[in-house]
Protein backbone atom coordinates (compact mmCIF):
# COMPACT_ATOMS: atom_id res chain seq x y z
CA MET A 1 95.16 67.98 115.84
CA ILE A 2 94.45 64.64 114.13
CA ARG A 3 97.73 64.92 112.02
CA ILE A 4 99.82 65.51 115.31
CA SER A 5 98.08 62.86 117.28
CA ARG A 6 98.94 60.19 114.53
CA ARG A 7 102.44 61.38 114.32
CA LEU A 8 102.83 61.07 118.25
CA PHE A 9 101.05 57.77 118.09
CA GLY A 10 103.67 56.56 115.13
CA ALA A 11 106.60 58.21 117.20
CA LEU A 12 105.61 56.46 120.45
CA THR A 13 105.37 53.01 118.48
CA ALA A 14 108.82 53.66 116.97
CA VAL A 15 110.38 54.50 120.27
CA LEU A 16 109.01 51.11 121.52
CA ILE A 17 110.58 49.42 118.52
CA LEU A 18 113.79 51.27 118.93
CA VAL A 19 114.09 50.15 122.53
CA GLY A 20 113.11 46.61 121.82
CA ILE A 21 115.79 46.09 119.13
CA THR A 22 118.36 47.02 121.53
CA SER A 23 117.67 44.44 123.76
CA TRP A 24 120.64 42.19 123.38
CA PRO A 25 122.64 40.51 126.24
CA ALA A 26 124.76 43.23 127.88
CA ALA A 27 128.28 41.57 126.77
CA ALA A 28 127.24 41.63 123.35
CA LEU A 29 125.59 45.16 123.38
CA ALA A 30 128.97 46.50 124.99
CA ASP A 31 131.04 44.87 122.24
CA ARG A 32 128.81 45.90 119.32
CA GLN A 33 128.55 49.66 120.69
CA SER A 34 132.36 49.68 120.48
CA THR A 35 132.37 48.89 117.14
CA ALA A 36 129.35 49.07 114.56
CA PHE A 37 127.42 51.66 116.64
CA ARG A 38 130.31 53.99 117.13
CA GLN A 39 131.53 53.58 113.47
CA ALA A 40 128.13 54.21 112.24
CA VAL A 41 127.83 57.53 114.43
CA ALA A 42 131.30 58.47 113.40
CA GLU A 43 130.29 58.06 109.85
CA ALA A 44 126.96 59.73 109.74
CA ALA A 45 128.26 62.67 111.69
CA SER A 46 131.38 63.08 109.31
CA GLN A 47 129.33 65.44 107.14
CA ASP A 48 129.10 68.01 109.87
CA ARG A 49 132.05 68.99 111.61
CA GLU A 50 130.52 70.25 114.77
CA ILE A 51 128.23 67.14 115.28
CA ALA A 52 131.51 64.98 114.45
CA ALA A 53 133.55 66.78 117.03
CA TYR A 54 130.76 66.72 119.69
CA TYR A 55 130.64 62.80 119.44
CA ARG A 56 134.32 62.30 119.49
CA GLU A 57 134.30 64.37 122.74
CA VAL A 58 131.75 62.25 124.42
CA SER A 59 133.38 59.02 123.12
CA TYR A 60 130.39 58.26 120.71
CA ARG A 61 127.93 57.92 123.68
CA SER A 62 124.31 58.05 122.43
CA ILE A 63 121.91 61.02 123.37
CA TRP A 64 118.67 59.41 121.84
CA THR A 65 119.26 55.64 121.12
CA GLY A 66 120.00 54.29 124.43
CA GLU A 67 117.70 52.26 126.69
CA THR A 68 117.22 54.48 129.83
CA GLU A 69 114.58 56.86 130.84
CA GLY A 70 116.49 59.88 129.80
CA ASP A 71 117.01 58.61 126.19
CA ARG A 72 113.39 57.82 125.99
CA ALA A 73 112.25 61.31 127.40
CA ARG A 74 114.59 62.90 125.05
CA ARG A 75 113.13 61.16 122.11
CA ARG A 76 109.44 61.92 123.17
CA ALA A 77 110.50 65.66 123.66
CA LEU A 78 111.94 65.86 120.23
CA VAL A 79 109.16 64.27 118.31
CA HIS A 80 106.60 66.58 120.17
CA ALA A 81 108.82 69.68 119.48
CA LEU A 82 109.00 68.96 116.00
CA SER A 83 105.37 68.03 115.48
CA GLN A 84 104.58 71.49 116.96
CA SER A 85 107.13 73.31 114.74
CA GLY A 86 104.46 74.67 112.30
CA ARG A 87 102.91 76.50 115.41
CA HIS A 88 105.92 78.71 115.36
CA GLY A 89 105.89 79.63 111.72
CA LEU A 90 108.81 77.20 111.13
CA PRO A 91 109.51 75.22 107.81
CA GLU A 92 108.15 71.93 109.24
CA ALA A 93 109.68 69.96 106.03
CA ARG A 94 113.22 70.98 107.10
CA TYR A 95 113.11 68.57 110.11
CA ASP A 96 111.35 65.71 108.21
CA LEU A 97 109.54 64.19 111.31
CA ASP A 98 108.07 61.66 109.04
CA GLY A 99 111.09 60.52 107.84
CA LEU A 100 112.65 60.20 111.21
CA ILE A 101 109.88 58.26 112.32
CA ALA A 102 110.28 55.81 109.47
CA GLN A 103 113.98 55.68 110.09
CA MET A 104 113.47 54.79 113.80
CA SER A 105 110.81 52.24 112.99
CA GLN A 106 112.80 50.63 110.48
CA ALA A 107 116.08 50.36 112.51
CA ARG A 108 117.12 46.77 112.72
CA SER A 109 120.88 46.95 113.87
CA LEU A 110 123.50 48.69 115.72
CA ARG A 111 124.73 50.30 112.46
CA ASP A 112 120.95 51.60 112.08
CA LEU A 113 120.93 52.93 115.30
CA GLY A 114 123.95 54.79 114.95
CA GLN A 115 122.55 56.57 111.66
CA VAL A 116 119.41 57.31 113.67
CA GLU A 117 121.28 58.70 116.41
CA VAL A 118 122.97 61.50 114.25
CA ALA A 119 119.52 61.96 112.12
CA LEU A 120 117.99 62.95 115.52
CA THR A 121 120.87 65.17 116.37
CA ARG A 122 120.80 66.72 113.22
CA ALA A 123 117.22 67.39 113.40
CA TYR A 124 117.26 68.80 116.96
CA LEU A 125 120.11 71.30 116.15
CA ASP A 126 117.95 72.35 112.98
CA TYR A 127 114.96 72.94 115.18
CA ALA A 128 116.84 74.59 118.18
CA ARG A 129 118.62 77.03 115.99
CA ASP A 130 115.49 78.15 113.86
CA VAL A 131 113.09 78.37 117.05
CA GLN A 132 115.68 80.42 119.10
CA SER A 133 117.66 82.78 116.62
CA GLY A 134 115.58 82.32 113.42
CA VAL A 135 115.28 80.66 110.19
CA LEU A 136 116.91 83.43 108.15
CA VAL A 137 120.07 85.35 108.06
CA PRO A 138 118.83 89.01 108.51
CA GLY A 139 121.23 91.01 106.60
CA ARG A 140 120.77 88.54 103.59
CA VAL A 141 117.34 89.46 103.22
CA ASP A 142 117.63 93.12 103.49
CA ASN A 143 120.79 95.12 103.84
CA GLY A 144 119.03 97.73 106.03
CA ILE A 145 118.29 94.88 108.79
CA LYS A 146 121.83 95.03 110.53
CA ARG A 147 121.40 92.44 113.40
CA GLU A 148 124.02 90.09 113.63
CA VAL A 149 122.22 86.90 115.03
CA SER A 150 124.78 84.17 115.82
CA ASP A 151 123.83 80.61 116.54
CA GLN A 152 125.08 78.88 119.51
CA PRO A 153 127.60 76.06 119.19
CA ALA A 154 126.19 72.53 118.78
CA ALA A 155 128.02 71.44 121.89
CA THR A 156 125.93 73.83 123.97
CA TYR A 157 122.55 72.83 122.66
CA LEU A 158 123.45 68.94 123.07
CA ASP A 159 125.13 69.37 126.68
CA ALA A 160 121.79 71.36 127.71
CA LEU A 161 119.89 68.40 126.56
CA ARG A 162 122.11 65.67 127.90
CA ASN A 163 122.33 67.49 131.28
CA GLY A 164 118.74 68.97 131.52
CA THR A 165 115.24 67.87 131.60
CA ALA A 166 114.50 67.25 127.98
CA HIS A 167 110.90 68.72 128.11
CA GLU A 168 112.10 71.91 129.90
CA VAL A 169 115.15 72.21 127.39
CA MET A 170 112.81 72.00 124.29
CA ARG A 171 110.36 74.66 125.98
CA SER A 172 113.31 77.13 126.85
CA LEU A 173 114.34 77.24 123.13
CA PRO A 174 111.90 79.73 121.54
CA PRO A 175 111.92 83.39 122.82
CA GLN A 176 110.61 83.72 126.47
CA THR A 177 108.90 87.02 125.57
CA ASN A 178 105.51 88.17 126.25
CA GLU A 179 105.46 89.51 122.66
CA TYR A 180 106.25 86.07 121.24
CA VAL A 181 103.73 84.19 123.35
CA ARG A 182 101.07 86.78 122.26
CA LEU A 183 101.96 86.52 118.49
CA MET A 184 101.71 82.67 118.67
CA LYS A 185 98.35 83.09 120.20
CA GLU A 186 97.49 85.40 117.22
CA LYS A 187 98.71 83.32 114.42
CA LEU A 188 96.43 80.37 115.71
CA ARG A 189 93.42 82.72 116.00
CA LEU A 190 94.15 83.80 112.42
CA GLU A 191 94.62 80.20 111.50
CA ARG A 192 91.16 79.21 112.95
CA LEU A 193 89.59 82.41 111.33
CA ILE A 194 90.88 81.49 107.80
CA ALA A 195 89.84 77.91 108.16
CA ALA A 196 86.29 79.35 108.89
CA GLY A 197 86.26 81.54 105.76
CA GLY A 198 87.94 84.59 106.82
CA TRP A 199 86.36 88.08 107.19
CA GLY A 200 83.99 87.69 104.27
CA PRO A 201 83.56 90.15 101.27
CA THR A 202 85.68 93.12 100.84
CA VAL A 203 84.37 96.81 100.84
CA PRO A 204 83.53 97.88 97.06
CA ALA A 205 84.52 101.42 97.64
CA GLN A 206 87.35 104.07 97.57
CA SER A 207 85.72 106.14 100.32
CA ILE A 208 82.84 106.15 102.55
CA GLU A 209 81.83 109.03 104.56
CA PRO A 210 79.39 109.26 107.66
CA GLY A 211 75.68 109.42 106.55
CA ASP A 212 76.31 107.59 103.40
CA THR A 213 74.02 104.75 102.61
CA GLY A 214 73.75 101.80 100.22
CA GLY A 215 75.57 98.51 99.53
CA ALA A 216 79.09 99.54 100.29
CA VAL A 217 77.93 100.91 103.82
CA VAL A 218 76.61 97.36 104.32
CA ALA A 219 79.54 95.74 103.20
CA LEU A 220 81.79 97.98 105.55
CA ARG A 221 79.33 97.07 108.47
CA ASN A 222 79.71 93.53 107.95
CA ARG A 223 83.48 93.71 107.59
CA LEU A 224 83.92 95.45 110.78
CA SER A 225 81.39 93.18 112.48
CA ALA A 226 83.51 90.28 111.44
CA MET A 227 86.71 91.83 112.54
CA GLY A 228 85.19 92.27 116.21
CA TYR A 229 84.94 96.07 115.75
CA LEU A 230 81.15 96.21 115.55
CA GLY A 231 78.37 94.54 117.26
CA HIS A 232 75.39 92.67 115.37
CA SER A 233 73.75 95.55 113.26
CA ALA A 234 71.29 95.80 110.52
CA SER A 235 71.72 99.51 109.99
CA GLY A 236 72.26 100.52 106.35
CA VAL A 237 73.23 104.02 107.21
CA TYR A 238 77.06 105.10 108.14
CA ASP A 239 75.68 106.26 111.64
CA GLY A 240 77.62 107.24 114.63
CA THR A 241 77.98 103.49 115.86
CA ILE A 242 79.77 102.61 112.59
CA GLN A 243 81.76 105.74 112.75
CA ALA A 244 83.21 104.80 116.46
CA ALA A 245 84.01 101.31 115.05
CA VAL A 246 86.09 102.83 112.25
CA ARG A 247 87.90 104.99 114.58
CA THR A 248 88.89 101.99 116.84
CA PHE A 249 89.91 100.06 113.64
CA GLN A 250 91.96 103.28 112.51
CA ARG A 251 93.75 103.60 115.80
CA ASP A 252 94.85 99.71 115.69
CA HIS A 253 96.09 100.07 112.26
CA GLY A 254 98.10 103.54 112.64
CA LEU A 255 95.65 105.43 110.53
CA GLU A 256 94.26 109.00 111.11
CA THR A 257 91.24 108.31 113.56
CA ASP A 258 88.78 110.44 111.91
CA GLY A 259 85.87 108.21 111.62
CA ILE A 260 86.10 108.42 107.73
CA ALA A 261 86.38 105.33 105.64
CA GLY A 262 89.12 106.88 103.38
CA PRO A 263 91.44 105.09 100.84
CA SER A 264 93.76 104.15 103.57
CA THR A 265 91.12 102.82 105.83
CA ILE A 266 89.58 100.95 103.09
CA GLY A 267 92.83 99.60 101.95
CA ALA A 268 93.41 98.14 105.37
CA LEU A 269 90.00 96.96 106.01
CA ASN A 270 90.44 95.04 102.77
CA ARG A 271 93.62 93.35 103.71
CA SER A 272 92.86 89.55 103.96
CA ALA A 273 93.26 87.61 107.16
CA ALA A 274 96.09 85.46 105.18
CA ALA A 275 97.98 88.95 104.73
CA ARG A 276 97.83 89.53 108.31
CA LEU A 277 98.94 85.81 109.14
CA ARG A 278 101.81 86.46 107.01
CA SER A 279 102.74 89.74 109.02
CA VAL A 280 102.30 87.69 112.44
CA ILE A 281 104.75 84.87 111.14
CA VAL A 282 107.32 87.54 109.92
CA ALA A 283 106.86 89.50 113.35
CA MET A 284 107.52 86.04 115.08
CA GLU A 285 110.71 85.59 113.00
CA ARG A 286 111.89 89.04 113.76
CA GLU A 287 111.18 88.51 117.46
CA ARG A 288 113.85 85.65 117.14
CA TRP A 289 116.35 87.85 116.11
CA LEU A 290 116.14 90.20 118.93
CA PRO A 291 118.81 90.05 122.10
CA ALA A 292 116.90 87.66 124.70
CA ASP A 293 117.65 90.44 127.45
CA ARG A 294 115.96 93.53 126.21
CA GLY A 295 116.91 95.52 129.30
CA GLN A 296 114.47 96.07 132.30
CA ARG A 297 114.25 99.68 131.04
CA HIS A 298 114.76 100.18 127.07
CA ILE A 299 113.90 102.26 124.19
CA LEU A 300 111.96 100.59 121.53
CA VAL A 301 111.52 102.34 118.03
CA ASN A 302 108.97 100.82 115.52
CA LEU A 303 109.65 102.13 112.11
CA THR A 304 106.40 101.17 110.78
CA ASP A 305 104.74 102.59 113.64
CA PHE A 306 106.52 105.86 113.33
CA SER A 307 106.96 105.92 117.22
CA ALA A 308 109.45 105.56 119.90
CA ARG A 309 108.64 104.28 123.38
CA ILE A 310 110.40 103.86 126.80
CA LEU A 311 109.38 100.61 128.32
CA ASP A 312 109.85 99.65 132.01
CA ASP A 313 109.52 96.10 132.85
CA ASP A 314 107.65 95.39 129.51
CA ALA A 315 105.10 98.19 130.23
CA VAL A 316 105.02 101.50 128.27
CA THR A 317 105.99 104.44 130.28
CA PHE A 318 106.41 107.08 127.66
CA ARG A 319 105.41 107.22 123.82
CA THR A 320 106.02 109.78 121.29
CA ARG A 321 105.49 109.97 117.52
CA ALA A 322 108.56 110.03 115.41
CA VAL A 323 109.68 110.53 111.77
CA ILE A 324 111.86 107.71 110.26
CA GLY A 325 114.12 107.99 107.24
CA LYS A 326 112.71 108.39 103.73
CA ASN A 327 111.78 105.36 101.44
CA SER A 328 114.77 106.03 99.12
CA SER A 329 117.80 104.49 98.60
CA GLY A 330 120.49 105.76 101.34
CA ARG A 331 117.97 107.21 103.44
CA ARG A 332 115.74 104.09 105.13
CA SER A 333 116.54 103.92 108.69
CA PRO A 334 118.21 100.60 109.72
CA GLU A 335 117.09 98.22 112.07
CA PHE A 336 119.82 97.58 114.90
CA SER A 337 120.30 97.39 118.71
CA ASP A 338 122.61 99.65 120.75
CA GLU A 339 122.92 101.62 124.13
CA MET A 340 121.96 105.18 124.64
CA ASP A 341 124.53 106.71 126.97
CA HIS A 342 124.20 110.26 126.62
CA MET A 343 122.29 113.37 125.20
CA VAL A 344 123.56 116.63 123.79
CA ILE A 345 121.51 119.46 124.61
CA ASN A 346 121.87 122.71 122.11
CA PRO A 347 123.46 120.42 119.59
CA THR A 348 125.77 121.35 116.62
CA TRP A 349 124.56 119.65 113.45
CA HIS A 350 127.60 118.00 111.77
CA VAL A 351 126.22 117.53 108.22
CA PRO A 352 127.26 113.96 107.21
CA ARG A 353 129.46 114.03 104.20
CA SER A 354 126.99 112.08 101.98
CA ILE A 355 124.49 115.07 102.35
CA VAL A 356 127.18 117.68 102.06
CA VAL A 357 128.20 116.27 98.59
CA LYS A 358 125.32 114.91 97.04
CA GLU A 359 122.68 117.69 98.18
CA TYR A 360 124.62 120.89 99.35
CA LEU A 361 127.49 121.19 97.13
CA PRO A 362 125.21 121.11 93.84
CA GLN A 363 123.39 124.00 95.45
CA MET A 364 126.29 125.94 96.28
CA GLN A 365 127.80 125.62 92.98
CA ARG A 366 124.62 127.18 91.31
CA ASN A 367 124.42 129.72 94.22
CA ARG A 368 127.09 130.18 96.80
CA ASN A 369 124.90 131.36 99.28
CA ALA A 370 122.60 128.43 99.15
CA VAL A 371 121.99 126.61 102.58
CA SER A 372 123.49 129.93 104.20
CA HIS A 373 122.51 128.65 107.68
CA LEU A 374 125.32 126.23 107.29
CA LYS A 375 128.88 127.03 107.91
CA LEU A 376 132.15 125.68 106.15
CA TYR A 377 135.27 124.30 107.95
CA ASN A 378 138.57 123.38 106.67
CA SER A 379 140.45 120.24 107.61
CA ASN A 380 141.86 122.15 110.49
CA GLY A 381 138.53 123.25 112.02
CA ARG A 382 138.65 126.59 110.90
CA GLU A 383 135.68 128.46 109.47
CA VAL A 384 136.00 129.53 105.82
CA SER A 385 134.19 132.06 104.16
CA ARG A 386 132.19 131.21 101.06
CA ASN A 387 133.41 134.08 99.23
CA ALA A 388 136.94 132.43 99.52
CA VAL A 389 135.77 129.27 97.72
CA ASP A 390 135.22 128.47 94.18
CA PHE A 391 132.58 125.69 94.35
CA THR A 392 132.63 124.75 90.78
CA ALA A 393 136.18 123.66 91.04
CA TYR A 394 135.15 120.62 93.36
CA SER A 395 133.55 117.42 92.71
CA ALA A 396 131.70 115.11 95.17
CA ARG A 397 135.07 113.36 95.44
CA THR A 398 137.40 116.36 95.72
CA PHE A 399 135.32 118.71 97.84
CA PRO A 400 137.52 119.40 100.85
CA PHE A 401 135.01 121.40 103.52
CA ALA A 402 132.94 119.92 106.27
CA MET A 403 129.73 121.80 106.96
CA LYS A 404 128.25 122.65 110.45
CA GLN A 405 125.17 124.18 111.84
CA PRO A 406 125.66 125.90 115.17
CA PRO A 407 123.10 125.31 118.11
CA SER A 408 119.96 127.36 117.70
CA SER A 409 116.11 126.69 117.57
CA ARG A 410 116.55 126.37 113.69
CA ASN A 411 119.21 123.78 113.90
CA ALA A 412 118.20 120.62 111.91
CA LEU A 413 118.70 118.52 114.89
CA GLY A 414 116.26 120.91 117.44
CA LEU A 415 117.46 121.43 120.63
CA VAL A 416 118.30 118.04 122.00
CA LYS A 417 119.81 114.68 120.28
CA PHE A 418 119.87 111.49 122.15
CA MET A 419 123.22 109.54 121.17
CA PHE A 420 123.77 105.85 121.05
CA PRO A 421 127.15 105.91 119.28
CA ASN A 422 126.92 103.44 116.18
CA LYS A 423 128.79 102.94 112.90
CA TYR A 424 125.51 103.96 111.09
CA ASN A 425 125.38 107.46 112.57
CA ILE A 426 121.82 107.06 113.61
CA TYR A 427 120.55 108.80 116.70
CA LEU A 428 117.16 110.24 117.81
CA HIS A 429 116.66 113.98 118.00
CA ASP A 430 114.50 117.01 118.01
CA THR A 431 113.53 119.00 114.91
CA PRO A 432 112.06 122.45 113.89
CA GLN A 433 109.81 120.63 111.29
CA LYS A 434 106.98 120.07 113.60
CA ALA A 435 104.15 119.83 110.96
CA LEU A 436 105.35 116.53 109.62
CA PHE A 437 104.34 114.72 112.99
CA ASP A 438 100.55 115.46 111.90
CA ARG A 439 101.08 113.17 108.77
CA GLU A 440 99.88 109.74 108.70
CA THR A 441 102.85 108.16 107.09
CA ARG A 442 105.96 109.87 108.52
CA ALA A 443 108.97 108.92 106.33
CA PHE A 444 110.99 112.08 105.50
CA SER A 445 114.52 112.19 107.48
CA HIS A 446 117.89 111.08 106.13
CA GLY A 447 117.54 108.18 108.54
CA CYS A 448 117.79 109.81 111.75
CA ILE A 449 114.96 109.33 114.00
CA ARG A 450 113.02 112.73 114.91
CA LEU A 451 111.01 113.06 117.82
CA GLN A 452 107.93 115.01 118.26
CA GLN A 453 108.21 115.20 121.99
CA PRO A 454 112.06 115.38 122.61
CA PHE A 455 111.95 117.30 126.02
CA ASP A 456 109.52 115.04 127.69
CA PHE A 457 111.49 112.29 126.49
CA ALA A 458 114.56 113.96 127.94
CA TYR A 459 112.68 114.44 131.15
CA GLU A 460 111.77 110.64 131.45
CA LEU A 461 115.38 109.44 130.71
CA LEU A 462 116.66 111.97 133.35
CA SER A 463 114.08 110.99 136.14
CA ARG A 464 116.40 108.10 137.37
CA GLN A 465 119.04 110.45 137.86
CA GLU A 466 117.96 113.88 138.78
CA ALA A 467 115.48 115.13 141.47
CA ASP A 468 113.95 117.65 139.21
CA PRO A 469 114.59 116.48 135.54
CA LYS A 470 112.76 119.26 133.96
CA GLY A 471 114.38 121.98 135.89
CA PHE A 472 117.85 120.26 135.25
CA PHE A 473 117.36 120.11 131.62
CA HIS A 474 116.11 123.55 131.11
CA SER A 475 118.94 125.04 133.27
CA VAL A 476 121.33 123.25 130.63
CA LEU A 477 119.32 124.45 127.48
CA ASP A 478 118.91 128.07 128.61
CA THR A 479 122.94 128.38 128.46
CA GLY A 480 122.55 128.30 124.63
CA ARG A 481 125.86 126.46 124.47
CA GLU A 482 126.21 122.86 123.23
CA ASN A 483 126.65 120.52 126.47
CA TYR A 484 126.86 116.81 126.70
CA VAL A 485 124.86 114.88 129.36
CA ARG A 486 125.63 111.61 130.34
CA LEU A 487 123.20 108.93 131.36
CA ASP A 488 124.13 107.25 134.59
CA GLN A 489 122.70 104.08 133.66
CA PRO A 490 122.89 103.41 129.66
CA VAL A 491 119.65 102.53 128.11
CA PRO A 492 119.29 99.85 125.62
CA VAL A 493 117.99 101.04 122.24
CA HIS A 494 116.33 98.54 119.77
CA ILE A 495 115.20 99.94 116.35
CA ILE A 496 112.87 97.43 115.18
CA TYR A 497 110.40 97.04 112.21
CA ARG A 498 107.11 95.35 113.05
CA THR A 499 104.08 95.36 110.65
CA ALA A 500 102.25 93.16 113.54
CA PHE A 501 102.72 93.72 117.08
CA THR A 502 100.84 93.02 120.08
CA LYS A 503 99.46 94.70 123.36
CA ALA A 504 99.06 93.23 126.83
CA ARG A 505 95.45 93.75 126.46
CA GLY A 506 93.50 94.20 123.19
CA ARG A 507 93.70 93.37 119.65
CA THR A 508 96.94 92.94 117.71
CA GLU A 509 97.62 96.11 115.86
CA PHE A 510 99.09 95.98 112.28
CA ARG A 511 101.13 98.67 110.26
CA GLU A 512 101.88 99.12 106.42
CA ASP A 513 105.20 97.84 105.24
CA VAL A 514 106.81 100.83 104.56
CA TYR A 515 110.04 99.87 103.23
CA GLY A 516 108.91 96.47 101.80
CA ARG A 517 111.21 94.49 104.21
CA ASP A 518 108.43 92.38 105.59
CA GLY A 519 107.53 91.40 102.17
CA ARG A 520 110.99 90.53 101.39
CA ILE A 521 111.28 88.55 104.92
CA TRP A 522 107.93 86.51 103.91
CA ASP A 523 109.26 85.69 100.51
CA ALA A 524 112.56 84.16 101.97
CA LEU A 525 110.61 82.16 104.55
CA ASN A 526 108.29 80.87 101.93
CA LYS A 527 111.43 79.80 99.97
CA ALA A 528 112.65 78.08 103.24
CA GLY A 529 109.67 76.27 103.39
CA VAL A 530 107.33 77.94 105.76
CA SER A 531 103.71 78.15 104.27
CA LEU A 532 100.16 79.04 105.29
CA VAL A 533 97.18 76.92 105.54
CA THR A 534 94.90 77.16 102.74
CA VAL A 535 93.38 80.44 102.81
CA GLN A 536 90.32 82.63 101.81
CA SER A 537 90.05 86.53 102.25
C-alpha cells in the first residue's frame, strides 16, 4: 500500500506539472499545437499503425495532455489503474508506470508533451487489452486450448475513454463475472497469507489413518488448522474431528472423501500457498479468455474437476461426474466454447477415422473378428462382410472402410449423446463403462466427455420445452431407433480447464493439473513478467 500511495502522490505531482507547463497564452498554444505538438504525436505514434491512424483521424487532438478536467480525469484514472495492475495478476513492468510518471514530470515543451501523449496511449492500450482479453495468446501456450481471443481495435478503446467517464471505463475493462471478482479476492487472501508465513510445516508422511498418533498426526492437525479446516486442537490422535476436517478438505480438492489422509490427500495438503496462488493467477488469465456473455443458461465442463454442470443465472442447477480425454497425445480433451443444439437418442457410433486405423485395423489384421461389435461400411454406405476383406492388404493410409456401431445399450456412446457441432468432433455422451465414474481421476476417453447421469442431464435440458421431459425422453428411447431431438433454445457450452475455481459461498476449490496446461500457462505468464510476492510454504 505504501508503494501505491507514493506512486499516486508522484503521479498527482506530475499531473500538476503537466498542466502547469501548458499554460502558455492561448494564441501561442494554438500555434504550437498545430506544429510541434502534432508533429511530435505523429512521430511518436508512427511505430504503431493503429495508434497513428487514430490520431490522424482525430486531427491529433490530445486525450491525456490537455488542460481540461476530462484530460486530468483520464490521467488520474490511468495512473490508478496501472498502479493496481498487479492485483489482476498482470505484468506490471510492461506498463512502466514509474517511467511514465518520470516522463510526465520531465516534460518541458510541446514536443515533450506529444511524446507523453503517445506513451500514455500505448500504456493504456497494453493494459486494456491485457486486463480484458488476457496477457497470452491461448493457442500459443498449448495447442489443446482452442480459444480465439481477439482484441478490440485501438479506436474502440480510445473512443470509449474520450466519450465516457474515465474511471468507469477503467473499471469496465476487467471481466465483470462473479468468478473473476472472487478469484481476485482469493489472490489477495493468499498474498496476505504468504506474507504472514504460509501454512507452516508440511506433513511428513505418505499416509495417515484414523486412530494413528505421533508427530505426523500433529503436523496434519496443525496444517488443517492453518488452512481453516480445523479449529484449535491439542489432540495428538487422528480422531473423528480430524477425520471430518480431512473429508472437507478432500471435497474441496476433488479427492475421494474417505477421511483417510492417503498419498493424494497428503500431496494436496502439502502443496504450498505459493503454488495455490499460481493456480489462482492462471485462473484469472483463463477467465479473461472466456466470452463476456456466457449465456443465461449454459453448460460448464471443467476438465480438471471431471464434471459437467448446467448453470442458470450463475447458479448450478445440475451437476454430474464426467470422464475426460486420456492424458496422451491425440486424446486430451480440447478447451473451447460452442452451442449445443440437439441430442441424439439411441445414437449410432461413427468411429472416428483416427481410431479405426490406429487402434482397430491392427487388431483386425491379427484377427478379422476382433471388435466384432463394429460393422464395416464401404464408400457407398453399404455394409461389408469381414469375410470379404483381407485386412493385411491395407495400411492406415489406404484402408477404405468406415466403421460403425449400431444403437444398443452396449454402444460406446451409450443411449444418448449431446451435440454442439464443432470441428474437433467433441460432444457429451452416455457410456456403458459406468465403473470409471468411481475413480478419483477420470481421464480415460478418446477426447469426448462421458457423463455419469446422462438421462438426468437430458431431462434438465428438455425441461424448458417439454411438459413431461422424462416421459418424452423415454418415449423416444423406447423406440430403439436413432432419433434427433432439437433444443428449441440452443445452450452455450464452455469446456474449461480450471485448477482453481470459486463458489458463491465457501472456500476456493483446487484441482490437479491433469494435462500440465496450467503449468505451461504459468511459465508463459512468468516469462511475460507476472511474478509472485516473496513466498514461503
